[in-house]
């Protein structure tokens, strides 16, 4: 039997309308807008409307992906949602999206691997489709971090934003699609980003609310140090193990933690000819949606050509690292 090749057939994204600039963050937190932008490179971020939750953003992104592909949701075999900020502890956000778009044939589930979740999810659905021998999968990342941010703390309020993006995964011509994916989980860095309350260890209570334990806490310097230490070796090693040279990579789509732009990651990884696409200035850190949001914007701008080598990378809390190399395929 011929080797099954899977790749990304279409993309879509959605960001809320409410744009929060650094001046507003500074007013709420007592920081300085110029300092925020200098340290983070983030000028604006989007916040969901009061009636919007993670599934709503995901639904919009899914609909735009299906529209680009020209197919209906009843053709989807797997629907996976990556989120750390889902609508509810239960049911899974994926089931809410399934119901909203009428993807009733799809097998659905959530994953939570923070900023590397999109890469982890792509490898999961690729493997499922290969075992199945074909089919279509919708991989969605969605985050509503604004509900978990202490707006008086500029260390997190300046960084995190809301958004969703999706990719349709399915069969592509041989030699195209996913070439290699590497996943790793250095769990000793699990305290770098966390929400302490709301789970079984610290269940919701008056005390947890009063002490702000439901807000995101982040070790910004530790996160940057982690990415600098683990990112370049992971990316260069993946490219090498896939049988390519780092100078052959055309595009880098990387999660963009504040203060560590993709161009710096590209240089450190030896990707001297890659275009390191950056969206953090406009949308902030949208967690697991960062990589697919960037991918969709670049795709819709017509910057991806058939045969381009695209490297995607996510590094998230937990900690987790996901990197994937693919040869872009333009649908005929």
Protein backbone atom coordinates (compact mmCIF):
# COMPACT_ATOMS: atom_id res chain seq x y z
CA UNK A 1 0.00 0.00 0.00
CA UNK A 2 1.29 3.44 -0.94
CA UNK A 3 2.38 5.72 1.92
CA UNK A 4 -0.45 8.00 3.00
CA UNK A 5 0.39 11.70 2.72
CA UNK A 6 -1.62 14.21 4.74
CA UNK A 7 -1.35 17.97 4.75
CA UNK A 8 -3.26 21.17 5.33
CA UNK A 9 -5.95 21.78 2.72
CA UNK A 10 -7.46 25.03 4.03
CA UNK A 11 -7.19 27.49 6.90
CA UNK A 12 -9.40 29.96 8.73
CA UNK A 13 -9.25 32.28 11.72
CA UNK A 14 -11.33 34.64 13.80
CA UNK A 15 -10.39 37.37 16.27
CA UNK A 16 -12.87 39.39 18.35
CA UNK A 17 -13.70 42.96 17.34
CA UNK A 18 -12.71 44.58 20.65
CA UNK A 19 -9.16 45.87 20.18
CA UNK A 20 -7.24 46.75 23.34
CA UNK A 21 -4.23 49.02 22.82
CA UNK A 22 -1.30 49.45 25.17
CA UNK A 23 -2.61 52.77 26.41
CA UNK A 24 -5.72 51.04 27.73
CA UNK A 25 -3.67 48.26 29.33
CA UNK A 26 -1.53 50.90 31.00
CA UNK A 27 -4.57 52.76 32.31
CA UNK A 28 -5.97 49.59 33.86
CA UNK A 29 -2.72 48.26 35.28
CA UNK A 30 -0.78 51.36 36.17
CA UNK A 31 2.03 50.54 33.74
CA UNK A 32 3.46 52.63 30.95
CA UNK A 33 2.35 52.05 27.35
CA UNK A 34 5.77 52.79 25.86
CA UNK A 35 7.44 50.35 28.24
CA UNK A 36 4.86 47.66 27.51
CA UNK A 37 5.44 47.94 23.76
CA UNK A 38 9.22 48.09 24.10
CA UNK A 39 9.39 44.97 26.27
CA UNK A 40 6.71 42.90 24.51
CA UNK A 41 6.49 44.28 20.94
CA UNK A 42 2.71 44.07 21.44
CA UNK A 43 0.74 47.16 20.45
CA UNK A 44 -2.79 45.72 20.46
CA UNK A 45 -4.60 42.57 21.49
CA UNK A 46 -8.22 41.42 21.06
CA UNK A 47 -10.72 40.64 23.83
CA UNK A 48 -13.85 38.57 23.36
CA UNK A 49 -17.22 40.25 23.77
CA UNK A 50 -19.19 39.43 26.95
CA UNK A 51 -21.36 36.94 25.02
CA UNK A 52 -18.40 35.23 23.29
CA UNK A 53 -16.70 32.12 24.64
CA UNK A 54 -13.99 29.83 23.29
CA UNK A 55 -16.46 27.72 21.29
CA UNK A 56 -17.89 30.81 19.58
CA UNK A 57 -14.48 31.90 18.34
CA UNK A 58 -13.69 28.34 17.29
CA UNK A 59 -16.95 28.05 15.39
CA UNK A 60 -16.19 31.18 13.37
CA UNK A 61 -12.71 29.93 12.53
CA UNK A 62 -14.08 26.51 11.55
CA UNK A 63 -16.72 28.02 9.28
CA UNK A 64 -14.13 30.14 7.49
CA UNK A 65 -11.90 27.12 7.00
CA UNK A 66 -14.71 25.05 5.52
CA UNK A 67 -15.71 27.94 3.27
CA UNK A 68 -12.16 28.21 1.93
CA UNK A 69 -12.13 24.46 1.28
CA UNK A 70 -15.56 24.56 -0.34
CA UNK A 71 -16.96 21.68 1.71
CA UNK A 72 -19.72 21.17 4.26
CA UNK A 73 -19.15 20.14 7.88
CA UNK A 74 -20.86 16.76 7.44
CA UNK A 75 -17.74 15.54 5.62
CA UNK A 76 -15.51 15.94 8.69
CA UNK A 77 -14.35 12.68 10.28
CA UNK A 78 -12.43 14.15 13.25
CA UNK A 79 -12.87 17.47 15.02
CA UNK A 80 -10.21 18.33 17.61
CA UNK A 81 -10.02 21.50 19.68
CA UNK A 82 -6.91 22.69 21.46
CA UNK A 83 -7.70 25.10 24.30
CA UNK A 84 -6.65 25.99 27.81
CA UNK A 85 -9.66 28.30 28.22
CA UNK A 86 -12.64 26.20 27.15
CA UNK A 87 -16.27 27.11 27.75
CA UNK A 88 -16.74 24.63 30.62
CA UNK A 89 -14.80 21.96 32.53
CA UNK A 90 -17.28 19.60 30.84
CA UNK A 91 -18.43 19.00 28.14
CA UNK A 92 -15.44 19.29 25.80
CA UNK A 93 -15.43 22.45 23.72
CA UNK A 94 -15.07 20.30 20.59
CA UNK A 95 -18.59 18.95 21.08
CA UNK A 96 -20.00 22.47 21.27
CA UNK A 97 -18.29 23.36 18.00
CA UNK A 98 -19.46 20.11 16.40
CA UNK A 99 -23.05 20.95 17.25
CA UNK A 100 -22.72 24.57 16.11
CA UNK A 101 -21.43 23.68 12.63
CA UNK A 102 -23.46 20.45 12.19
CA UNK A 103 -20.41 18.20 11.95
CA UNK A 104 -22.39 15.31 13.35
CA UNK A 105 -20.30 12.57 11.69
CA UNK A 106 -17.14 13.77 13.39
CA UNK A 107 -15.42 12.11 16.32
CA UNK A 108 -14.63 14.96 18.73
CA UNK A 109 -12.31 15.65 21.64
CA UNK A 110 -10.26 18.40 23.28
CA UNK A 111 -6.57 18.58 24.05
CA UNK A 112 -4.81 20.99 26.40
CA UNK A 113 -1.12 21.51 25.73
CA UNK A 114 -1.12 25.29 25.88
CA UNK A 115 0.82 27.09 23.14
CA UNK A 116 2.04 23.91 21.44
CA UNK A 117 -1.47 22.45 21.25
CA UNK A 118 -1.97 23.10 17.54
CA UNK A 119 1.17 21.13 16.64
CA UNK A 120 0.25 18.28 18.98
CA UNK A 121 -3.24 18.23 17.50
CA UNK A 122 -2.00 18.12 13.93
CA UNK A 123 0.11 15.07 14.70
CA UNK A 124 -2.86 13.38 16.39
CA UNK A 125 -5.23 13.91 13.48
CA UNK A 126 -2.56 12.99 10.92
CA UNK A 127 -2.06 9.69 12.73
CA UNK A 128 -5.80 9.05 12.97
CA UNK A 129 -6.32 9.72 9.27
CA UNK A 130 -3.40 7.46 8.35
CA UNK A 131 -4.86 4.62 10.42
CA UNK A 132 -8.23 5.23 8.84
CA UNK A 133 -6.72 5.27 5.38
CA UNK A 134 -8.10 8.69 4.50
CA UNK A 135 -10.74 11.20 5.45
CA UNK A 136 -10.79 14.78 6.70
CA UNK A 137 -10.02 16.33 10.07
CA UNK A 138 -10.63 19.80 11.42
CA UNK A 139 -7.97 20.96 13.87
CA UNK A 140 -8.97 24.09 15.81
CA UNK A 141 -7.15 26.15 18.42
CA UNK A 142 -9.11 28.69 20.45
CA UNK A 143 -8.29 30.81 23.48
CA UNK A 144 -10.16 33.40 25.54
CA UNK A 145 -7.41 34.41 27.93
CA UNK A 146 -9.04 37.74 28.74
CA UNK A 147 -11.39 35.91 31.16
CA UNK A 148 -8.37 34.64 33.10
CA UNK A 149 -6.26 37.79 33.19
CA UNK A 150 -5.95 40.17 36.12
CA UNK A 151 -6.37 43.45 34.25
CA UNK A 152 -4.56 45.30 37.04
CA UNK A 153 -1.41 43.22 36.42
CA UNK A 154 0.40 44.49 33.34
CA UNK A 155 2.72 41.45 33.36
CA UNK A 156 -0.08 39.28 31.97
CA UNK A 157 -2.68 41.82 30.79
CA UNK A 158 -0.18 43.24 28.32
CA UNK A 159 0.66 39.87 26.84
CA UNK A 160 -2.39 37.68 26.39
CA UNK A 161 -5.21 38.03 23.90
CA UNK A 162 -8.14 36.12 22.44
CA UNK A 163 -8.53 34.41 19.09
CA UNK A 164 -9.09 31.17 17.21
CA UNK A 165 -7.78 29.52 14.07
CA UNK A 166 -8.28 26.23 12.30
CA UNK A 167 -6.87 23.98 9.62
CA UNK A 168 -8.51 21.32 7.49
CA UNK A 169 -6.25 18.27 7.25
CA UNK A 170 -6.59 15.66 4.53
CA UNK A 171 -4.84 13.83 1.68
CA UNK A 172 -2.25 15.64 -0.43
CA UNK A 173 0.02 14.51 -3.29
CA UNK A 174 2.97 12.32 -2.40
CA UNK A 175 5.99 14.32 -1.27
CA UNK A 176 3.81 17.11 0.09
CA UNK A 177 2.17 17.63 3.46
CA UNK A 178 3.66 16.72 6.82
CA UNK A 179 7.25 15.53 6.49
CA UNK A 180 8.21 15.18 10.14
CA UNK A 181 6.82 16.19 13.53
CA UNK A 182 8.66 16.09 16.85
CA UNK A 183 6.93 16.42 20.22
CA UNK A 184 8.54 16.61 23.65
CA UNK A 185 7.45 17.42 27.18
CA UNK A 186 10.03 18.70 29.69
CA UNK A 187 7.69 18.64 32.66
CA UNK A 188 10.16 20.20 35.07
CA UNK A 189 9.10 23.60 33.69
CA UNK A 190 5.43 23.12 34.63
CA UNK A 191 5.28 26.20 36.89
CA UNK A 192 6.20 28.72 34.19
CA UNK A 193 2.56 29.48 33.31
CA UNK A 194 -0.44 28.30 35.28
CA UNK A 195 -3.94 28.95 36.55
CA UNK A 196 -3.80 27.69 40.13
CA UNK A 197 -7.51 27.37 40.95
CA UNK A 198 -10.51 25.76 39.32
CA UNK A 199 -9.26 22.19 39.16
CA UNK A 200 -9.38 19.26 41.55
CA UNK A 201 -6.34 20.43 43.56
CA UNK A 202 -7.74 23.90 44.28
CA UNK A 203 -11.48 23.76 43.53
CA UNK A 204 -13.49 26.96 43.18
CA UNK A 205 -14.23 28.70 46.47
CA UNK A 206 -14.78 32.17 47.86
CA UNK A 207 -11.18 32.15 49.01
CA UNK A 208 -9.79 31.19 45.59
CA UNK A 209 -11.78 33.98 43.96
CA UNK A 210 -10.83 36.55 46.59
CA UNK A 211 -7.13 35.76 46.25
CA UNK A 212 -7.16 35.87 42.44
CA UNK A 213 -6.17 32.23 42.11
CA UNK A 214 -8.25 31.90 38.93
CA UNK A 215 -6.00 34.32 37.07
CA UNK A 216 -3.09 33.35 34.84
CA UNK A 217 0.32 33.68 36.44
CA UNK A 218 3.39 33.72 34.25
CA UNK A 219 7.12 33.70 34.71
CA UNK A 220 7.86 35.84 31.68
CA UNK A 221 11.63 35.73 31.97
CA UNK A 222 11.56 32.01 32.66
CA UNK A 223 9.37 31.42 29.60
CA UNK A 224 11.73 33.37 27.35
CA UNK A 225 14.73 31.53 28.77
CA UNK A 226 12.97 28.21 28.17
CA UNK A 227 12.24 29.07 24.53
CA UNK A 228 15.79 30.28 23.95
CA UNK A 229 17.26 27.14 25.49
CA UNK A 230 14.98 24.52 23.94
CA UNK A 231 13.65 26.15 20.76
CA UNK A 232 16.67 26.42 18.43
CA UNK A 233 18.02 22.89 19.07
CA UNK A 234 14.52 21.44 18.61
CA UNK A 235 13.93 23.23 15.30
CA UNK A 236 17.38 22.64 13.84
CA UNK A 237 17.27 18.99 14.91
CA UNK A 238 13.86 18.44 13.35
CA UNK A 239 14.96 19.89 10.02
CA UNK A 240 18.15 17.82 10.05
CA UNK A 241 16.33 14.60 10.97
CA UNK A 242 13.85 15.23 8.14
CA UNK A 243 16.76 15.25 5.71
CA UNK A 244 16.92 18.96 4.95
CA UNK A 245 19.27 21.83 5.65
CA UNK A 246 18.12 24.75 7.78
CA UNK A 247 18.89 27.08 4.85
CA UNK A 248 16.18 25.33 2.80
CA UNK A 249 13.27 26.40 5.01
CA UNK A 250 11.06 29.01 3.37
CA UNK A 251 8.70 29.98 6.21
CA UNK A 252 8.66 29.88 10.00
CA UNK A 253 5.32 29.99 11.84
CA UNK A 254 6.16 30.05 15.53
CA UNK A 255 4.34 30.71 18.75
CA UNK A 256 5.33 34.21 19.78
CA UNK A 257 5.91 34.64 23.50
CA UNK A 258 6.43 38.25 24.46
CA UNK A 259 9.96 39.54 24.03
CA UNK A 260 11.11 36.68 21.78
CA UNK A 261 10.08 37.45 18.19
CA UNK A 262 10.16 34.78 15.47
CA UNK A 263 13.05 36.45 13.64
CA UNK A 264 15.27 35.97 16.70
CA UNK A 265 14.20 32.32 16.95
CA UNK A 266 14.89 31.87 13.22
CA UNK A 267 18.40 33.29 13.50
CA UNK A 268 19.22 31.18 16.54
CA UNK A 269 17.97 28.07 14.70
CA UNK A 270 20.03 28.73 11.58
CA UNK A 271 16.98 29.40 9.39
CA UNK A 272 18.77 32.13 7.48
CA UNK A 273 16.55 32.06 4.39
CA UNK A 274 13.19 31.61 6.14
CA UNK A 275 10.60 34.34 6.39
CA UNK A 276 9.75 34.49 10.09
CA UNK A 277 6.15 35.65 10.11
CA UNK A 278 5.10 37.74 13.10
CA UNK A 279 1.59 38.62 14.29
CA UNK A 280 2.23 39.27 17.97
CA UNK A 281 2.35 43.07 17.54
CA UNK A 282 -1.28 43.14 16.44
CA UNK A 283 -2.87 40.22 18.30
CA UNK A 284 -0.64 39.52 21.31
CA UNK A 285 0.00 36.02 22.63
CA UNK A 286 -3.10 33.95 21.82
CA UNK A 287 -1.66 30.71 23.15
CA UNK A 288 -2.38 27.65 21.05
CA UNK A 289 -4.07 29.82 18.40
CA UNK A 290 -0.84 31.76 17.70
CA UNK A 291 0.62 29.37 15.12
CA UNK A 292 -2.58 28.66 13.13
CA UNK A 293 -3.60 32.35 13.23
CA UNK A 294 -0.28 33.31 11.68
CA UNK A 295 -0.57 30.46 9.18
CA UNK A 296 -4.04 31.56 8.09
CA UNK A 297 -3.08 35.21 7.65
CA UNK A 298 -0.03 34.25 5.60
CA UNK A 299 -2.01 31.74 3.55
CA UNK A 300 -4.79 34.21 2.78
CA UNK A 301 -2.23 36.82 1.80
CA UNK A 302 -1.06 34.45 -0.95
CA UNK A 303 2.46 34.13 0.45
CA UNK A 304 2.56 30.32 0.46
CA UNK A 305 3.44 28.59 -2.80
CA UNK A 306 3.26 24.98 -3.87
CA UNK A 307 6.35 23.17 -2.65
CA UNK A 308 7.37 25.72 -0.01
CA UNK A 309 8.92 24.24 3.13
CA UNK A 310 6.99 25.50 6.14
CA UNK A 311 8.24 24.99 9.69
CA UNK A 312 5.73 25.40 12.53
CA UNK A 313 6.74 25.55 16.18
CA UNK A 314 4.91 25.86 19.48
CA UNK A 315 6.42 26.01 22.94
CA UNK A 316 3.98 26.08 25.81
CA UNK A 317 3.41 25.64 29.51
CA UNK A 318 3.69 22.22 31.01
CA UNK A 319 6.21 22.47 29.46
CA UNK A 320 5.70 21.23 25.94
CA UNK A 321 7.45 21.59 22.61
CA UNK A 322 5.90 20.81 19.25
CA UNK A 323 7.52 21.35 15.86
CA UNK A 324 6.35 20.22 12.45
CA UNK A 325 7.85 20.50 8.99
CA UNK A 326 5.59 20.34 5.96
CA UNK A 327 5.82 20.87 2.24
CA UNK A 328 2.97 23.16 1.30
CA UNK A 329 0.48 21.87 -1.21
CA UNK A 330 -1.81 24.19 -3.15
CA UNK A 331 -5.11 22.43 -3.92
CA UNK A 332 -5.64 21.88 -7.63
